[in-house]
Amino acid sequence: MSNAKPNLTYRQRQALATQKLIVDSARDLFLEQGYGNTTIEAISARAGVAVSTVYAVFGSKRGILRAIREAWHQESRQRDIYQEARQQSDPRRRLELAARATRRQWETGAAMLTIYRGAAAIDQEAAAELKEALRGRRASLDHFIDEMPQALRSGLGPDRAAAIFFALTLPEVYESLVHEAGWSPDQYEAWLAEILLQQLLP
């Protein structure tokens, strides 16, 4: 989660360290006892900071939830990998990088998905946030395919290609193959790259 920021002041570094401590503590508690059963007081106790500090930094449990999601984005580097993919002129390399981004997304996202699903089950606003995040992911993947219409195999329109792409990269597919069938993340990435090439390119 932490990238080197040499220009930060000591106070700013302390603030970032406190934020990370709260986020890590909350994530552990959400996984151990569930989102609904975890209080701000428990998070502050686990982090070793005042309750007022938690509220001042994040405002609410939902604020911490959003911070957990952002920390996951930073850890997975999926945004950076997709940006690299978009810069590729070779559609094969573009899809191979998309497979890598998907692998990193779900390889690092197991805890985040568990927490968000649990939160969404009992918190309508958390459920709305999860729905919006999934809608944003779908829009991003649609745009990724829309950028390469000339590369798609004959007879395959962008809408159908995007639907295939979205279905193959769902977290449930990763969970089924890696967590249940025992594949390694490397095997999943290689399989996903191969099937995306087969399904989308000539």
C-alpha atoms as a PDB file:
ATOM      1  CA  MET A   1       0.000   0.000   0.000  1.00  0.00           C
ATOM      2  CA  SER A   2       2.874   2.346   0.773  1.00  0.00           C
ATOM      3  CA  ASN A   3       4.870   3.957  -2.003  1.00  0.00           C
ATOM      4  CA  ALA A   4       7.922   5.989  -1.114  1.00  0.00           C
ATOM      5  CA  LYS A   5       7.056   9.678  -0.750  1.00  0.00           C
ATOM      6  CA  PRO A   6      10.363  11.395   0.121  1.00  0.00           C
ATOM      7  CA  ASN A   7       8.856  14.921   0.126  1.00  0.00           C
ATOM      8  CA  LEU A   8       6.386  14.215   2.909  1.00  0.00           C
ATOM      9  CA  THR A   9       6.897  15.843   6.268  1.00  0.00           C
ATOM     10  CA  TYR A  10       7.326  13.792   9.425  1.00  0.00           C
ATOM     11  CA  ARG A  11       3.772  14.662  10.489  1.00  0.00           C
ATOM     12  CA  GLN A  12       2.402  13.545   7.099  1.00  0.00           C
ATOM     13  CA  ARG A  13       4.287  10.268   7.339  1.00  0.00           C
ATOM     14  CA  GLN A  14       2.867   9.716  10.806  1.00  0.00           C
ATOM     15  CA  ALA A  15      -0.646  10.385   9.506  1.00  0.00           C
ATOM     16  CA  LEU A  16      -0.217   7.864   6.668  1.00  0.00           C
ATOM     17  CA  ALA A  17       1.162   5.269   9.085  1.00  0.00           C
ATOM     18  CA  THR A  18      -1.844   5.790  11.366  1.00  0.00           C
ATOM     19  CA  GLN A  19      -4.259   5.441   8.440  1.00  0.00           C
ATOM     20  CA  LYS A  20      -2.621   2.189   7.366  1.00  0.00           C
ATOM     21  CA  LEU A  21      -2.681   0.846  10.922  1.00  0.00           C
ATOM     22  CA  ILE A  22      -6.413   1.560  11.203  1.00  0.00           C
ATOM     23  CA  VAL A  23      -7.164   0.036   7.786  1.00  0.00           C
ATOM     24  CA  ASP A  24      -5.136  -3.107   8.515  1.00  0.00           C
ATOM     25  CA  SER A  25      -6.733  -3.514  11.940  1.00  0.00           C
ATOM     26  CA  ALA A  26     -10.234  -3.049  10.538  1.00  0.00           C
ATOM     27  CA  ARG A  27      -9.606  -5.508   7.714  1.00  0.00           C
ATOM     28  CA  ASP A  28      -8.441  -8.162  10.189  1.00  0.00           C
ATOM     29  CA  LEU A  29     -11.458  -7.623  12.428  1.00  0.00           C
ATOM     30  CA  PHE A  30     -13.926  -7.604   9.531  1.00  0.00           C
ATOM     31  CA  LEU A  31     -12.532 -10.977   8.460  1.00  0.00           C
ATOM     32  CA  GLU A  32     -12.420 -12.419  11.988  1.00  0.00           C
ATOM     33  CA  GLN A  33     -15.851 -11.404  13.260  1.00  0.00           C
ATOM     34  CA  GLY A  34     -17.726  -9.870  10.335  1.00  0.00           C
ATOM     35  CA  TYR A  35     -18.409  -6.314   9.258  1.00  0.00           C
ATOM     36  CA  GLY A  36     -21.635  -5.996  11.224  1.00  0.00           C
ATOM     37  CA  ASN A  37     -20.142  -7.259  14.489  1.00  0.00           C
ATOM     38  CA  THR A  38     -17.091  -4.986  14.354  1.00  0.00           C
ATOM     39  CA  THR A  39     -17.373  -1.647  16.122  1.00  0.00           C
ATOM     40  CA  ILE A  40     -15.304   1.494  15.712  1.00  0.00           C
ATOM     41  CA  GLU A  41     -14.281   0.989  19.346  1.00  0.00           C
ATOM     42  CA  ALA A  42     -12.913  -2.472  18.533  1.00  0.00           C
ATOM     43  CA  ILE A  43     -11.010  -1.103  15.547  1.00  0.00           C
ATOM     44  CA  SER A  44      -9.483   1.688  17.623  1.00  0.00           C
ATOM     45  CA  ALA A  45      -8.471  -0.792  20.328  1.00  0.00           C
ATOM     46  CA  ARG A  46      -6.859  -3.155  17.807  1.00  0.00           C
ATOM     47  CA  ALA A  47      -5.023  -0.260  16.136  1.00  0.00           C
ATOM     48  CA  GLY A  48      -3.996   1.296  19.444  1.00  0.00           C
ATOM     49  CA  VAL A  49      -5.413   4.718  18.596  1.00  0.00           C
ATOM     50  CA  ALA A  50      -8.190   6.841  20.052  1.00  0.00           C
ATOM     51  CA  VAL A  51     -11.768   6.321  18.876  1.00  0.00           C
ATOM     52  CA  SER A  52     -11.836  10.009  17.957  1.00  0.00           C
ATOM     53  CA  THR A  53      -8.844   9.457  15.669  1.00  0.00           C
ATOM     54  CA  VAL A  54     -10.672   6.744  13.729  1.00  0.00           C
ATOM     55  CA  TYR A  55     -13.688   8.997  13.260  1.00  0.00           C
ATOM     56  CA  ALA A  56     -11.488  11.964  12.329  1.00  0.00           C
ATOM     57  CA  VAL A  57      -9.631  10.011   9.653  1.00  0.00           C
ATOM     58  CA  PHE A  58     -12.435   7.921   8.131  1.00  0.00           C
ATOM     59  CA  GLY A  59     -15.740   9.209   9.499  1.00  0.00           C
ATOM     60  CA  SER A  60     -17.409   5.791   9.681  1.00  0.00           C
ATOM     61  CA  LYS A  61     -16.962   2.079   9.108  1.00  0.00           C
ATOM     62  CA  ARG A  62     -18.041   2.638   5.531  1.00  0.00           C
ATOM     63  CA  GLY A  63     -15.203   5.123   5.121  1.00  0.00           C
ATOM     64  CA  ILE A  64     -12.792   2.458   6.302  1.00  0.00           C
ATOM     65  CA  LEU A  65     -14.404   0.024   3.863  1.00  0.00           C
ATOM     66  CA  ARG A  66     -13.646   2.391   0.991  1.00  0.00           C
ATOM     67  CA  ALA A  67     -10.056   2.732   2.215  1.00  0.00           C
ATOM     68  CA  ILE A  68      -9.700  -1.062   2.247  1.00  0.00           C
ATOM     69  CA  ARG A  69     -10.849  -1.140  -1.385  1.00  0.00           C
ATOM     70  CA  GLU A  70      -8.393   1.579  -2.374  1.00  0.00           C
ATOM     71  CA  ALA A  71      -5.553  -0.221  -0.579  1.00  0.00           C
ATOM     72  CA  TRP A  72      -6.442  -3.311  -2.601  1.00  0.00           C
ATOM     73  CA  HIS A  73      -6.254  -1.331  -5.844  1.00  0.00           C
ATOM     74  CA  GLN A  74      -2.807  -0.088  -4.861  1.00  0.00           C
ATOM     75  CA  GLU A  75      -1.583  -3.564  -3.915  1.00  0.00           C
ATOM     76  CA  SER A  76      -2.880  -5.274  -7.051  1.00  0.00           C
ATOM     77  CA  ARG A  77      -1.577  -2.609  -9.451  1.00  0.00           C
ATOM     78  CA  GLN A  78      -4.430  -3.596 -11.750  1.00  0.00           C
ATOM     79  CA  ARG A  79      -4.932  -0.005 -12.887  1.00  0.00           C
ATOM     80  CA  ASP A  80      -1.271   0.327 -13.863  1.00  0.00           C
ATOM     81  CA  ILE A  81      -1.327  -2.978 -15.751  1.00  0.00           C
ATOM     82  CA  TYR A  82      -4.494  -2.045 -17.639  1.00  0.00           C
ATOM     83  CA  GLN A  83      -2.925   1.303 -18.508  1.00  0.00           C
ATOM     84  CA  GLU A  84       0.092  -0.542 -19.887  1.00  0.00           C
ATOM     85  CA  ALA A  85      -2.245  -2.833 -21.843  1.00  0.00           C
ATOM     86  CA  ARG A  86      -4.013   0.126 -23.437  1.00  0.00           C
ATOM     87  CA  GLN A  87      -0.686   1.387 -24.758  1.00  0.00           C
ATOM     88  CA  GLN A  88      -0.027  -1.828 -26.693  1.00  0.00           C
ATOM     89  CA  SER A  89      -0.480  -1.905 -30.460  1.00  0.00           C
ATOM     90  CA  ASP A  90      -0.420  -5.735 -30.520  1.00  0.00           C
ATOM     91  CA  PRO A  91      -3.909  -7.028 -29.532  1.00  0.00           C
ATOM     92  CA  ARG A  92      -2.424 -10.311 -28.321  1.00  0.00           C
ATOM     93  CA  ARG A  93      -0.107  -8.521 -25.902  1.00  0.00           C
ATOM     94  CA  ARG A  94      -3.011  -6.296 -24.886  1.00  0.00           C
ATOM     95  CA  LEU A  95      -5.129  -9.291 -23.850  1.00  0.00           C
ATOM     96  CA  GLU A  96      -2.194 -11.042 -22.169  1.00  0.00           C
ATOM     97  CA  LEU A  97      -1.726  -7.982 -19.967  1.00  0.00           C
ATOM     98  CA  ALA A  98      -5.474  -7.912 -19.288  1.00  0.00           C
ATOM     99  CA  ALA A  99      -5.168 -11.501 -18.053  1.00  0.00           C
ATOM    100  CA  ARG A 100      -2.304 -10.457 -15.782  1.00  0.00           C
ATOM    101  CA  ALA A 101      -4.307  -7.525 -14.398  1.00  0.00           C
ATOM    102  CA  THR A 102      -7.265  -9.836 -13.710  1.00  0.00           C
ATOM    103  CA  ARG A 103      -5.022 -12.364 -11.997  1.00  0.00           C
ATOM    104  CA  ARG A 104      -3.553  -9.649  -9.753  1.00  0.00           C
ATOM    105  CA  GLN A 105      -7.023  -8.230  -9.108  1.00  0.00           C
ATOM    106  CA  TRP A 106      -8.422 -11.448  -7.693  1.00  0.00           C
ATOM    107  CA  GLU A 107      -5.165 -12.873  -6.327  1.00  0.00           C
ATOM    108  CA  THR A 108      -4.932  -9.918  -3.932  1.00  0.00           C
ATOM    109  CA  GLY A 109      -8.675  -9.353  -3.573  1.00  0.00           C
ATOM    110  CA  ALA A 110      -9.934 -12.387  -1.641  1.00  0.00           C
ATOM    111  CA  ALA A 111     -10.115 -10.561   1.699  1.00  0.00           C
ATOM    112  CA  MET A 112     -11.651  -7.447   0.165  1.00  0.00           C
ATOM    113  CA  LEU A 113     -14.351  -9.447  -1.638  1.00  0.00           C
ATOM    114  CA  THR A 114     -15.213 -11.382   1.528  1.00  0.00           C
ATOM    115  CA  ILE A 115     -15.507  -8.171   3.531  1.00  0.00           C
ATOM    116  CA  TYR A 116     -17.557  -6.318   0.922  1.00  0.00           C
ATOM    117  CA  ARG A 117     -19.951  -9.204   0.406  1.00  0.00           C
ATOM    118  CA  GLY A 118     -20.504  -9.445   4.150  1.00  0.00           C
ATOM    119  CA  ALA A 119     -21.006  -5.693   4.466  1.00  0.00           C
ATOM    120  CA  ALA A 120     -23.382  -5.584   1.498  1.00  0.00           C
ATOM    121  CA  ALA A 121     -25.552  -8.274   3.088  1.00  0.00           C
ATOM    122  CA  ILE A 122     -26.398  -6.058   6.067  1.00  0.00           C
ATOM    123  CA  ASP A 123     -25.730  -2.477   4.957  1.00  0.00           C
ATOM    124  CA  GLN A 124     -27.777  -1.032   2.098  1.00  0.00           C
ATOM    125  CA  GLU A 125     -25.276   1.749   1.403  1.00  0.00           C
ATOM    126  CA  ALA A 126     -22.373  -0.698   1.346  1.00  0.00           C
ATOM    127  CA  ALA A 127     -24.423  -2.855  -1.033  1.00  0.00           C
ATOM    128  CA  ALA A 128     -24.983   0.186  -3.247  1.00  0.00           C
ATOM    129  CA  GLU A 129     -21.254   0.935  -3.224  1.00  0.00           C
ATOM    130  CA  LEU A 130     -20.452  -2.642  -4.221  1.00  0.00           C
ATOM    131  CA  LYS A 131     -23.022  -2.512  -7.005  1.00  0.00           C
ATOM    132  CA  GLU A 132     -21.571   0.776  -8.240  1.00  0.00           C
ATOM    133  CA  ALA A 133     -18.022  -0.624  -8.137  1.00  0.00           C
ATOM    134  CA  LEU A 134     -19.098  -3.639 -10.197  1.00  0.00           C
ATOM    135  CA  ARG A 135     -20.914  -1.359 -12.627  1.00  0.00           C
ATOM    136  CA  GLY A 136     -17.753   0.720 -12.953  1.00  0.00           C
ATOM    137  CA  ARG A 137     -15.706  -2.395 -13.624  1.00  0.00           C
ATOM    138  CA  ARG A 138     -18.119  -3.460 -16.353  1.00  0.00           C
ATOM    139  CA  ALA A 139     -17.942  -0.016 -17.967  1.00  0.00           C
ATOM    140  CA  SER A 140     -14.139  -0.068 -17.846  1.00  0.00           C
ATOM    141  CA  LEU A 141     -13.986  -3.494 -19.486  1.00  0.00           C
ATOM    142  CA  ASP A 142     -16.507  -2.412 -22.138  1.00  0.00           C
ATOM    143  CA  HIS A 143     -14.296   0.573 -22.925  1.00  0.00           C
ATOM    144  CA  PHE A 144     -11.224  -1.679 -23.093  1.00  0.00           C
ATOM    145  CA  ILE A 145     -12.894  -3.778 -25.810  1.00  0.00           C
ATOM    146  CA  ASP A 146     -14.366  -0.755 -27.597  1.00  0.00           C
ATOM    147  CA  GLU A 147     -10.822   0.491 -28.153  1.00  0.00           C
ATOM    148  CA  MET A 148      -9.924  -2.540 -30.302  1.00  0.00           C
ATOM    149  CA  PRO A 149     -12.871  -3.236 -32.669  1.00  0.00           C
ATOM    150  CA  GLN A 150     -10.660  -3.880 -35.707  1.00  0.00           C
ATOM    151  CA  ALA A 151      -8.723  -6.576 -33.843  1.00  0.00           C
ATOM    152  CA  LEU A 152     -11.744  -8.727 -32.978  1.00  0.00           C
ATOM    153  CA  ARG A 153     -12.426 -11.908 -34.900  1.00  0.00           C
ATOM    154  CA  SER A 154     -14.822 -11.741 -37.816  1.00  0.00           C
ATOM    155  CA  GLY A 155     -18.485 -11.597 -36.850  1.00  0.00           C
ATOM    156  CA  LEU A 156     -17.773 -10.682 -33.239  1.00  0.00           C
ATOM    157  CA  GLY A 157     -19.135  -7.248 -32.359  1.00  0.00           C
ATOM    158  CA  PRO A 158     -17.801  -5.143 -29.484  1.00  0.00           C
ATOM    159  CA  ASP A 159     -20.898  -5.713 -27.315  1.00  0.00           C
ATOM    160  CA  ARG A 160     -20.688  -9.491 -27.533  1.00  0.00           C
ATOM    161  CA  ALA A 161     -16.893  -9.404 -27.119  1.00  0.00           C
ATOM    162  CA  ALA A 162     -17.231  -7.252 -24.011  1.00  0.00           C
ATOM    163  CA  ALA A 163     -19.827  -9.651 -22.552  1.00  0.00           C
ATOM    164  CA  ILE A 164     -17.458 -12.600 -23.103  1.00  0.00           C
ATOM    165  CA  PHE A 165     -14.550 -10.659 -21.628  1.00  0.00           C
ATOM    166  CA  PHE A 166     -16.576  -9.686 -18.561  1.00  0.00           C
ATOM    167  CA  ALA A 167     -17.821 -13.247 -17.953  1.00  0.00           C
ATOM    168  CA  LEU A 168     -14.390 -14.839 -18.246  1.00  0.00           C
ATOM    169  CA  THR A 169     -12.817 -12.358 -15.822  1.00  0.00           C
ATOM    170  CA  LEU A 170     -15.400 -12.626 -13.029  1.00  0.00           C
ATOM    171  CA  PRO A 171     -13.963 -13.269  -9.547  1.00  0.00           C
ATOM    172  CA  GLU A 172     -16.075 -16.435  -9.277  1.00  0.00           C
ATOM    173  CA  VAL A 173     -14.069 -17.973 -12.130  1.00  0.00           C
ATOM    174  CA  TYR A 174     -10.795 -17.265 -10.324  1.00  0.00           C
ATOM    175  CA  GLU A 175     -12.194 -18.615  -7.060  1.00  0.00           C
ATOM    176  CA  SER A 176     -13.442 -21.789  -8.751  1.00  0.00           C
ATOM    177  CA  LEU A 177     -10.172 -22.564 -10.506  1.00  0.00           C
ATOM    178  CA  VAL A 178      -7.652 -21.405  -7.898  1.00  0.00           C
ATOM    179  CA  HIS A 179      -9.363 -21.787  -4.528  1.00  0.00           C
ATOM    180  CA  GLU A 180     -11.492 -24.831  -5.326  1.00  0.00           C
ATOM    181  CA  ALA A 181      -9.711 -26.695  -8.139  1.00  0.00           C
ATOM    182  CA  GLY A 182      -6.228 -25.970  -6.784  1.00  0.00           C
ATOM    183  CA  TRP A 183      -4.733 -24.144  -9.766  1.00  0.00           C
ATOM    184  CA  SER A 184      -1.847 -21.777  -9.134  1.00  0.00           C
ATOM    185  CA  PRO A 185      -2.338 -18.076  -9.978  1.00  0.00           C
ATOM    186  CA  ASP A 186       0.235 -18.547 -12.774  1.00  0.00           C
ATOM    187  CA  GLN A 187      -1.839 -21.365 -14.266  1.00  0.00           C
ATOM    188  CA  TYR A 188      -4.977 -19.235 -14.049  1.00  0.00           C
ATOM    189  CA  GLU A 189      -3.279 -16.308 -15.793  1.00  0.00           C
ATOM    190  CA  ALA A 190      -1.950 -18.544 -18.594  1.00  0.00           C
ATOM    191  CA  TRP A 191      -5.375 -20.150 -19.067  1.00  0.00           C
ATOM    192  CA  LEU A 192      -7.183 -16.812 -19.084  1.00  0.00           C
ATOM    193  CA  ALA A 193      -4.774 -15.307 -21.606  1.00  0.00           C
ATOM    194  CA  GLU A 194      -5.175 -18.334 -23.868  1.00  0.00           C
ATOM    195  CA  ILE A 195      -8.960 -18.393 -23.748  1.00  0.00           C
ATOM    196  CA  LEU A 196      -9.264 -14.626 -24.254  1.00  0.00           C
ATOM    197  CA  LEU A 197      -7.103 -14.916 -27.372  1.00  0.00           C
ATOM    198  CA  GLN A 198      -9.180 -17.851 -28.627  1.00  0.00           C
ATOM    199  CA  GLN A 199     -12.523 -16.188 -27.976  1.00  0.00           C
ATOM    200  CA  LEU A 200     -11.804 -12.639 -29.076  1.00  0.00           C
ATOM    201  CA  LEU A 201      -9.120 -12.626 -31.764  1.00  0.00           C
ATOM    202  CA  PRO A 202      -8.995 -14.189 -35.269  1.00  0.00           C
END
